[in-house]
Amino acid sequence: MAKSRKESADGWSPYILRCGDGTLYTGIAKDLERRVTQHNAGTASRYTRCRLPASLVYQEEQPSQSAALKRELAIKALSRTAKEGLIRP
């Protein structure tokens, strides 16, 4: 189960997936369940397509798409160690 800062399905969520090769992928989605299904079907991103399976390891709720995009960029700028810290606080 993914770690989460907020439990709500109404807003946008930045998320982190752990790919089959151990790498981390960060994105945003409004419907996380659908998006993870797309990733694992190979239809969501070129990066995860060849690194399946992907599992959701972190998510957090944001009030708007704009806020989620800003948070996604902030997460992507973190080192792998810092991302692992988000996943396992």
PDB file of N, CA and C in Angstrom:
ATOM      1  N   MET A   1       0.837  -1.182   0.000  1.00  0.00           N
ATOM      2  CA  MET A   1       0.000   0.000   0.000  1.00  0.00           C
ATOM      3  C   MET A   1       0.877   1.238   0.000  1.00  0.00           C
ATOM      4  N   ALA A   2       0.461   2.247  -0.699  1.00  0.00           N
ATOM      5  CA  ALA A   2       1.232   3.476  -0.830  1.00  0.00           C
ATOM      6  C   ALA A   2       1.077   4.353   0.406  1.00  0.00           C
ATOM      7  N   LYS A   3       2.142   5.023   0.752  1.00  0.00           N
ATOM      8  CA  LYS A   3       2.089   6.016   1.824  1.00  0.00           C
ATOM      9  C   LYS A   3       1.358   7.235   1.279  1.00  0.00           C
ATOM     10  N   SER A   4       0.598   7.889   2.139  1.00  0.00           N
ATOM     11  CA  SER A   4      -0.173   9.031   1.686  1.00  0.00           C
ATOM     12  C   SER A   4      -0.206  10.108   2.759  1.00  0.00           C
ATOM     13  N   ARG A   5      -0.145  11.363   2.351  1.00  0.00           N
ATOM     14  CA  ARG A   5      -0.271  12.458   3.305  1.00  0.00           C
ATOM     15  C   ARG A   5      -1.722  12.754   3.611  1.00  0.00           C
ATOM     16  N   LYS A   6      -2.605  12.557   2.663  1.00  0.00           N
ATOM     17  CA  LYS A   6      -4.020  12.853   2.829  1.00  0.00           C
ATOM     18  C   LYS A   6      -4.833  11.750   2.188  1.00  0.00           C
ATOM     19  N   GLU A   7      -5.936  11.424   2.773  1.00  0.00           N
ATOM     20  CA  GLU A   7      -6.800  10.396   2.215  1.00  0.00           C
ATOM     21  C   GLU A   7      -8.041  11.062   1.618  1.00  0.00           C
ATOM     22  N   SER A   8      -8.004  11.382   0.349  1.00  0.00           N
ATOM     23  CA  SER A   8      -9.124  11.990  -0.345  1.00  0.00           C
ATOM     24  C   SER A   8      -8.987  11.685  -1.818  1.00  0.00           C
ATOM     25  N   ALA A   9     -10.101  11.501  -2.500  1.00  0.00           N
ATOM     26  CA  ALA A   9     -10.042  11.165  -3.922  1.00  0.00           C
ATOM     27  C   ALA A   9     -10.532  12.312  -4.804  1.00  0.00           C
ATOM     28  N   ASP A  10     -10.671  13.508  -4.255  1.00  0.00           N
ATOM     29  CA  ASP A  10     -11.258  14.606  -5.008  1.00  0.00           C
ATOM     30  C   ASP A  10     -10.251  15.446  -5.791  1.00  0.00           C
ATOM     31  N   GLY A  11      -9.025  15.548  -5.329  1.00  0.00           N
ATOM     32  CA  GLY A  11      -8.050  16.432  -5.955  1.00  0.00           C
ATOM     33  C   GLY A  11      -7.047  15.687  -6.800  1.00  0.00           C
ATOM     34  N   TRP A  12      -6.030  16.414  -7.180  1.00  0.00           N
ATOM     35  CA  TRP A  12      -4.936  15.868  -7.967  1.00  0.00           C
ATOM     36  C   TRP A  12      -3.873  15.319  -7.024  1.00  0.00           C
ATOM     37  N   SER A  13      -3.210  14.261  -7.445  1.00  0.00           N
ATOM     38  CA  SER A  13      -2.216  13.619  -6.595  1.00  0.00           C
ATOM     39  C   SER A  13      -0.894  13.413  -7.320  1.00  0.00           C
ATOM     40  N   PRO A  14       0.181  14.004  -6.797  1.00  0.00           N
ATOM     41  CA  PRO A  14       1.501  13.589  -7.246  1.00  0.00           C
ATOM     42  C   PRO A  14       1.745  12.191  -6.667  1.00  0.00           C
ATOM     43  N   TYR A  15       2.448  11.349  -7.404  1.00  0.00           N
ATOM     44  CA  TYR A  15       2.675   9.987  -6.934  1.00  0.00           C
ATOM     45  C   TYR A  15       4.054   9.516  -7.353  1.00  0.00           C
ATOM     46  N   ILE A  16       4.519   8.470  -6.666  1.00  0.00           N
ATOM     47  CA  ILE A  16       5.776   7.826  -7.020  1.00  0.00           C
ATOM     48  C   ILE A  16       5.499   6.345  -7.217  1.00  0.00           C
ATOM     49  N   LEU A  17       6.001   5.809  -8.323  1.00  0.00           N
ATOM     50  CA  LEU A  17       5.928   4.373  -8.597  1.00  0.00           C
ATOM     51  C   LEU A  17       7.322   3.777  -8.446  1.00  0.00           C
ATOM     52  N   ARG A  18       7.377   2.561  -7.936  1.00  0.00           N
ATOM     53  CA  ARG A  18       8.631   1.806  -7.968  1.00  0.00           C
ATOM     54  C   ARG A  18       8.491   0.828  -9.133  1.00  0.00           C
ATOM     55  N   CYS A  19       9.381   0.956 -10.099  1.00  0.00           N
ATOM     56  CA  CYS A  19       9.337   0.120 -11.298  1.00  0.00           C
ATOM     57  C   CYS A  19       9.987  -1.239 -11.026  1.00  0.00           C
ATOM     58  N   GLY A  20       9.758  -2.168 -11.919  1.00  0.00           N
ATOM     59  CA  GLY A  20      10.280  -3.516 -11.784  1.00  0.00           C
ATOM     60  C   GLY A  20      11.790  -3.580 -11.686  1.00  0.00           C
ATOM     61  N   ASP A  21      12.494  -2.599 -12.244  1.00  0.00           N
ATOM     62  CA  ASP A  21      13.961  -2.587 -12.165  1.00  0.00           C
ATOM     63  C   ASP A  21      14.468  -1.810 -10.951  1.00  0.00           C
ATOM     64  N   GLY A  22      13.550  -1.380 -10.070  1.00  0.00           N
ATOM     65  CA  GLY A  22      13.930  -0.676  -8.850  1.00  0.00           C
ATOM     66  C   GLY A  22      13.995   0.832  -8.972  1.00  0.00           C
ATOM     67  N   THR A  23      13.844   1.367 -10.188  1.00  0.00           N
ATOM     68  CA  THR A  23      13.868   2.813 -10.357  1.00  0.00           C
ATOM     69  C   THR A  23      12.554   3.423  -9.881  1.00  0.00           C
ATOM     70  N   LEU A  24      12.573   4.740  -9.667  1.00  0.00           N
ATOM     71  CA  LEU A  24      11.393   5.460  -9.212  1.00  0.00           C
ATOM     72  C   LEU A  24      10.887   6.366 -10.323  1.00  0.00           C
ATOM     73  N   TYR A  25       9.568   6.432 -10.489  1.00  0.00           N
ATOM     74  CA  TYR A  25       8.928   7.280 -11.494  1.00  0.00           C
ATOM     75  C   TYR A  25       7.945   8.189 -10.766  1.00  0.00           C
ATOM     76  N   THR A  26       7.961   9.470 -11.075  1.00  0.00           N
ATOM     77  CA  THR A  26       7.060  10.436 -10.443  1.00  0.00           C
ATOM     78  C   THR A  26       6.115  11.019 -11.483  1.00  0.00           C
ATOM     79  N   GLY A  27       4.842  11.138 -11.125  1.00  0.00           N
ATOM     80  CA  GLY A  27       3.850  11.729 -12.013  1.00  0.00           C
ATOM     81  C   GLY A  27       2.712  12.324 -11.204  1.00  0.00           C
ATOM     82  N   ILE A  28       1.661  12.768 -11.895  1.00  0.00           N
ATOM     83  CA  ILE A  28       0.447  13.240 -11.220  1.00  0.00           C
ATOM     84  C   ILE A  28      -0.755  12.591 -11.884  1.00  0.00           C
ATOM     85  N   ALA A  29      -1.841  12.495 -11.131  1.00  0.00           N
ATOM     86  CA  ALA A  29      -3.076  11.929 -11.672  1.00  0.00           C
ATOM     87  C   ALA A  29      -4.255  12.388 -10.838  1.00  0.00           C
ATOM     88  N   LYS A  30      -5.411  12.413 -11.457  1.00  0.00           N
ATOM     89  CA  LYS A  30      -6.647  12.686 -10.737  1.00  0.00           C
ATOM     90  C   LYS A  30      -7.241  11.369 -10.236  1.00  0.00           C
ATOM     91  N   ASP A  31      -7.103  10.317 -11.015  1.00  0.00           N
ATOM     92  CA  ASP A  31      -7.594   8.982 -10.656  1.00  0.00           C
ATOM     93  C   ASP A  31      -6.386   8.044 -10.604  1.00  0.00           C
ATOM     94  N   LEU A  32      -5.810   7.880  -9.423  1.00  0.00           N
ATOM     95  CA  LEU A  32      -4.574   7.103  -9.285  1.00  0.00           C
ATOM     96  C   LEU A  32      -4.736   5.634  -9.646  1.00  0.00           C
ATOM     97  N   GLU A  33      -5.833   5.047  -9.253  1.00  0.00           N
ATOM     98  CA  GLU A  33      -6.044   3.627  -9.565  1.00  0.00           C
ATOM     99  C   GLU A  33      -6.017   3.393 -11.073  1.00  0.00           C
ATOM    100  N   ARG A  34      -6.724   4.244 -11.807  1.00  0.00           N
ATOM    101  CA  ARG A  34      -6.754   4.136 -13.270  1.00  0.00           C
ATOM    102  C   ARG A  34      -5.367   4.374 -13.860  1.00  0.00           C
ATOM    103  N   ARG A  35      -4.653   5.355 -13.329  1.00  0.00           N
ATOM    104  CA  ARG A  35      -3.334   5.694 -13.863  1.00  0.00           C
ATOM    105  C   ARG A  35      -2.316   4.575 -13.638  1.00  0.00           C
ATOM    106  N   VAL A  36      -2.331   3.968 -12.461  1.00  0.00           N
ATOM    107  CA  VAL A  36      -1.418   2.846 -12.197  1.00  0.00           C
ATOM    108  C   VAL A  36      -1.757   1.678 -13.117  1.00  0.00           C
ATOM    109  N   THR A  37      -3.044   1.442 -13.341  1.00  0.00           N
ATOM    110  CA  THR A  37      -3.469   0.394 -14.278  1.00  0.00           C
ATOM    111  C   THR A  37      -2.936   0.693 -15.673  1.00  0.00           C
ATOM    112  N   GLN A  38      -2.999   1.951 -16.098  1.00  0.00           N
ATOM    113  CA  GLN A  38      -2.463   2.343 -17.408  1.00  0.00           C
ATOM    114  C   GLN A  38      -0.956   2.100 -17.469  1.00  0.00           C
ATOM    115  N   HIS A  39      -0.250   2.470 -16.405  1.00  0.00           N
ATOM    116  CA  HIS A  39       1.197   2.229 -16.378  1.00  0.00           C
ATOM    117  C   HIS A  39       1.490   0.745 -16.566  1.00  0.00           C
ATOM    118  N   ASN A  40       0.789  -0.102 -15.835  1.00  0.00           N
ATOM    119  CA  ASN A  40       1.060  -1.534 -15.895  1.00  0.00           C
ATOM    120  C   ASN A  40       0.561  -2.192 -17.181  1.00  0.00           C
ATOM    121  N   ALA A  41      -0.311  -1.502 -17.909  1.00  0.00           N
ATOM    122  CA  ALA A  41      -0.742  -1.988 -19.220  1.00  0.00           C
ATOM    123  C   ALA A  41       0.221  -1.522 -20.317  1.00  0.00           C
ATOM    124  N   GLY A  42       1.179  -0.662 -19.946  1.00  0.00           N
ATOM    125  CA  GLY A  42       2.145  -0.156 -20.911  1.00  0.00           C
ATOM    126  C   GLY A  42       1.630   0.994 -21.745  1.00  0.00           C
ATOM    127  N   THR A  43       0.557   1.660 -21.293  1.00  0.00           N
ATOM    128  CA  THR A  43      -0.043   2.735 -22.090  1.00  0.00           C
ATOM    129  C   THR A  43       0.088   4.116 -21.455  1.00  0.00           C
ATOM    130  N   ALA A  44       0.809   4.239 -20.344  1.00  0.00           N
ATOM    131  CA  ALA A  44       0.856   5.528 -19.650  1.00  0.00           C
ATOM    132  C   ALA A  44       2.104   6.332 -19.963  1.00  0.00           C
ATOM    133  N   SER A  45       3.266   5.704 -19.925  1.00  0.00           N
ATOM    134  CA  SER A  45       4.493   6.460 -20.198  1.00  0.00           C
ATOM    135  C   SER A  45       5.537   5.551 -20.824  1.00  0.00           C
ATOM    136  N   ARG A  46       6.345   6.141 -21.636  1.00  0.00           N
ATOM    137  CA  ARG A  46       7.420   5.395 -22.298  1.00  0.00           C
ATOM    138  C   ARG A  46       8.414   4.856 -21.264  1.00  0.00           C
ATOM    139  N   TYR A  47       8.650   5.642 -20.209  1.00  0.00           N
ATOM    140  CA  TYR A  47       9.621   5.240 -19.191  1.00  0.00           C
ATOM    141  C   TYR A  47       9.199   3.947 -18.482  1.00  0.00           C
ATOM    142  N   THR A  48       7.946   3.895 -18.040  1.00  0.00           N
ATOM    143  CA  THR A  48       7.514   2.712 -17.276  1.00  0.00           C
ATOM    144  C   THR A  48       7.214   1.518 -18.171  1.00  0.00           C
ATOM    145  N   ARG A  49       6.939   1.760 -19.430  1.00  0.00           N
ATOM    146  CA  ARG A  49       6.557   0.683 -20.357  1.00  0.00           C
ATOM    147  C   ARG A  49       7.569  -0.466 -20.371  1.00  0.00           C
ATOM    148  N   CYS A  50       8.853  -0.150 -20.324  1.00  0.00           N
ATOM    149  CA  CYS A  50       9.870  -1.195 -20.389  1.00  0.00           C
ATOM    150  C   CYS A  50      10.440  -1.533 -19.007  1.00  0.00           C
ATOM    151  N   ARG A  51       9.778  -1.070 -17.953  1.00  0.00           N
ATOM    152  CA  ARG A  51      10.251  -1.328 -16.594  1.00  0.00           C
ATOM    153  C   ARG A  51       9.145  -1.902 -15.720  1.00  0.00           C
ATOM    154  N   LEU A  52       8.276  -2.676 -16.287  1.00  0.00           N
ATOM    155  CA  LEU A  52       7.134  -3.236 -15.565  1.00  0.00           C
ATOM    156  C   LEU A  52       7.556  -4.426 -14.714  1.00  0.00           C
ATOM    157  N   PRO A  53       6.800  -4.723 -13.662  1.00  0.00           N
ATOM    158  CA  PRO A  53       5.600  -4.023 -13.183  1.00  0.00           C
ATOM    159  C   PRO A  53       5.968  -2.786 -12.366  1.00  0.00           C
ATOM    160  N   ALA A  54       5.006  -1.897 -12.264  1.00  0.00           N
ATOM    161  CA  ALA A  54       5.180  -0.679 -11.472  1.00  0.00           C
ATOM    162  C   ALA A  54       4.180  -0.714 -10.321  1.00  0.00           C
ATOM    163  N   SER A  55       4.649  -0.366  -9.136  1.00  0.00           N
ATOM    164  CA  SER A  55       3.741  -0.360  -7.988  1.00  0.00           C
ATOM    165  C   SER A  55       3.752   1.013  -7.323  1.00  0.00           C
ATOM    166  N   LEU A  56       2.586   1.443  -6.903  1.00  0.00           N
ATOM    167  CA  LEU A  56       2.424   2.735  -6.250  1.00  0.00           C
ATOM    168  C   LEU A  56       3.030   2.655  -4.853  1.00  0.00           C
ATOM    169  N   VAL A  57       3.998   3.545  -4.563  1.00  0.00           N
ATOM    170  CA  VAL A  57       4.651   3.529  -3.258  1.00  0.00           C
ATOM    171  C   VAL A  57       4.450   4.824  -2.477  1.00  0.00           C
ATOM    172  N   TYR A  58       3.958   5.881  -3.138  1.00  0.00           N
ATOM    173  CA  TYR A  58       3.742   7.153  -2.450  1.00  0.00           C
ATOM    174  C   TYR A  58       2.724   7.977  -3.220  1.00  0.00           C
ATOM    175  N   GLN A  59       1.900   8.681  -2.470  1.00  0.00           N
ATOM    176  CA  GLN A  59       0.967   9.634  -3.069  1.00  0.00           C
ATOM    177  C   GLN A  59       0.674  10.710  -2.043  1.00  0.00           C
ATOM    178  N   GLU A  60       0.310  11.879  -2.525  1.00  0.00           N
ATOM    179  CA  GLU A  60      -0.180  12.934  -1.650  1.00  0.00           C
ATOM    180  C   GLU A  60      -1.209  13.746  -2.403  1.00  0.00           C
ATOM    181  N   GLU A  61      -2.150  14.280  -1.677  1.00  0.00           N
ATOM    182  CA  GLU A  61      -3.248  15.039  -2.266  1.00  0.00           C
ATOM    183  C   GLU A  61      -2.865  16.513  -2.391  1.00  0.00           C
ATOM    184  N   GLN A  62      -3.250  17.129  -3.503  1.00  0.00           N
ATOM    185  CA  GLN A  62      -3.067  18.559  -3.719  1.00  0.00           C
ATOM    186  C   GLN A  62      -4.414  19.160  -4.107  1.00  0.00           C
ATOM    187  N   PRO A  63      -4.648  20.426  -3.800  1.00  0.00           N
ATOM    188  CA  PRO A  63      -5.967  21.026  -4.035  1.00  0.00           C
ATOM    189  C   PRO A  63      -6.281  21.338  -5.493  1.00  0.00           C
ATOM    190  N   SER A  64      -5.247  21.403  -6.348  1.00  0.00           N
ATOM    191  CA  SER A  64      -5.492  21.755  -7.753  1.00  0.00           C
ATOM    192  C   SER A  64      -4.450  21.085  -8.643  1.00  0.00           C
ATOM    193  N   GLN A  65      -4.724  21.076  -9.931  1.00  0.00           N
ATOM    194  CA  GLN A  65      -3.763  20.521 -10.879  1.00  0.00           C
ATOM    195  C   GLN A  65      -2.469  21.324 -10.868  1.00  0.00           C
ATOM    196  N   SER A  66      -2.586  22.634 -10.771  1.00  0.00           N
ATOM    197  CA  SER A  66      -1.412  23.490 -10.738  1.00  0.00           C
ATOM    198  C   SER A  66      -0.525  23.168  -9.536  1.00  0.00           C
ATOM    199  N   ALA A  67      -1.134  23.027  -8.363  1.00  0.00           N
ATOM    200  CA  ALA A  67      -0.373  22.695  -7.155  1.00  0.00           C
ATOM    201  C   ALA A  67       0.271  21.316  -7.293  1.00  0.00           C
ATOM    202  N   ALA A  68      -0.447  20.379  -7.896  1.00  0.00           N
ATOM    203  CA  ALA A  68       0.096  19.030  -8.089  1.00  0.00           C
ATOM    204  C   ALA A  68       1.287  19.050  -9.041  1.00  0.00           C
ATOM    205  N   LEU A  69       1.207  19.829 -10.106  1.00  0.00           N
ATOM    206  CA  LEU A  69       2.326  19.936 -11.046  1.00  0.00           C
ATOM    207  C   LEU A  69       3.559  20.543 -10.378  1.00  0.00           C
ATOM    208  N   LYS A  70       3.344  21.571  -9.555  1.00  0.00           N
ATOM    209  CA  LYS A  70       4.460  22.192  -8.840  1.00  0.00           C
ATOM    210  C   LYS A  70       5.091  21.194  -7.873  1.00  0.00           C
ATOM    211  N   ARG A  71       4.268  20.436  -7.171  1.00  0.00           N
ATOM    212  CA  ARG A  71       4.791  19.448  -6.224  1.00  0.00           C
ATOM    213  C   ARG A  71       5.508  18.319  -6.971  1.00  0.00           C
ATOM    214  N   GLU A  72       4.969  17.906  -8.118  1.00  0.00           N
ATOM    215  CA  GLU A  72       5.629  16.881  -8.931  1.00  0.00           C
ATOM    216  C   GLU A  72       7.044  17.336  -9.304  1.00  0.00           C
ATOM    217  N   LEU A  73       7.177  18.574  -9.753  1.00  0.00           N
ATOM    218  CA  LEU A  73       8.500  19.101 -10.107  1.00  0.00           C
ATOM    219  C   LEU A  73       9.429  19.130  -8.903  1.00  0.00           C
ATOM    220  N   ALA A  74       8.890  19.487  -7.739  1.00  0.00           N
ATOM    221  CA  ALA A  74       9.707  19.513  -6.525  1.00  0.00           C
ATOM    222  C   ALA A  74      10.181  18.106  -6.158  1.00  0.00           C
ATOM    223  N   ILE A  75       9.292  17.122  -6.286  1.00  0.00           N
ATOM    224  CA  ILE A  75       9.662  15.733  -5.984  1.00  0.00           C
ATOM    225  C   ILE A  75      10.709  15.245  -6.981  1.00  0.00           C
ATOM    226  N   LYS A  76      10.520  15.550  -8.264  1.00  0.00           N
ATOM    227  CA  LYS A  76      11.475  15.126  -9.283  1.00  0.00           C
ATOM    228  C   LYS A  76      12.863  15.721  -9.046  1.00  0.00           C
ATOM    229  N   ALA A  77      12.927  16.893  -8.423  1.00  0.00           N
ATOM    230  CA  ALA A  77      14.209  17.540  -8.163  1.00  0.00           C
ATOM    231  C   ALA A  77      14.947  16.934  -6.964  1.00  0.00           C
ATOM    232  N   LEU A  78      14.240  16.120  -6.169  1.00  0.00           N
ATOM    233  CA  LEU A  78      14.858  15.499  -5.001  1.00  0.00           C
ATOM    234  C   LEU A  78      15.843  14.407  -5.405  1.00  0.00           C
ATOM    235  N   SER A  79      16.797  14.160  -4.548  1.00  0.00           N
ATOM    236  CA  SER A  79      17.711  13.032  -4.754  1.00  0.00           C
ATOM    237  C   SER A  79      16.951  11.732  -4.505  1.00  0.00           C
ATOM    238  N   ARG A  80      17.517  10.632  -4.960  1.00  0.00           N
ATOM    239  CA  ARG A  80      16.877   9.342  -4.719  1.00  0.00           C
ATOM    240  C   ARG A  80      16.735   9.093  -3.212  1.00  0.00           C
ATOM    241  N   THR A  81      17.748   9.463  -2.440  1.00  0.00           N
ATOM    242  CA  THR A  81      17.702   9.274  -0.987  1.00  0.00           C
ATOM    243  C   THR A  81      16.537  10.051  -0.381  1.00  0.00           C
ATOM    244  N   ALA A  82      16.338  11.281  -0.830  1.00  0.00           N
ATOM    245  CA  ALA A  82      15.228  12.090  -0.328  1.00  0.00           C
ATOM    246  C   ALA A  82      13.883  11.497  -0.737  1.00  0.00           C
ATOM    247  N   LYS A  83      13.797  10.971  -1.960  1.00  0.00           N
ATOM    248  CA  LYS A  83      12.553  10.323  -2.405  1.00  0.00           C
ATOM    249  C   LYS A  83      12.269   9.095  -1.554  1.00  0.00           C
ATOM    250  N   GLU A  84      13.298   8.317  -1.266  1.00  0.00           N
ATOM    251  CA  GLU A  84      13.129   7.136  -0.398  1.00  0.00           C
ATOM    252  C   GLU A  84      12.663   7.574   0.989  1.00  0.00           C
ATOM    253  N   GLY A  85      13.105   8.746   1.431  1.00  0.00           N
ATOM    254  CA  GLY A  85      12.658   9.295   2.705  1.00  0.00           C
ATOM    255  C   GLY A  85      11.180   9.645   2.696  1.00  0.00           C
ATOM    256  N   LEU A  86      10.668  10.121   1.577  1.00  0.00           N
ATOM    257  CA  LEU A  86       9.231  10.380   1.450  1.00  0.00           C
ATOM    258  C   LEU A  86       8.452   9.074   1.517  1.00  0.00           C
ATOM    259  N   ILE A  87       8.983   8.062   0.845  1.00  0.00           N
ATOM    260  CA  ILE A  87       8.289   6.774   0.777  1.00  0.00           C
ATOM    261  C   ILE A  87       8.248   6.111   2.143  1.00  0.00           C
ATOM    262  N   ARG A  88       9.361   6.193   2.874  1.00  0.00           N
ATOM    263  CA  ARG A  88       9.448   5.583   4.204  1.00  0.00           C
ATOM    264  C   ARG A  88       9.775   6.651   5.249  1.00  0.00           C
ATOM    265  N   PRO A  89       8.779   7.440   5.648  1.00  0.00           N
ATOM    266  CA  PRO A  89       9.050   8.505   6.638  1.00  0.00           C
ATOM    267  C   PRO A  89       9.355   7.961   8.021  1.00  0.00           C
TER     268      PRO A  89
END
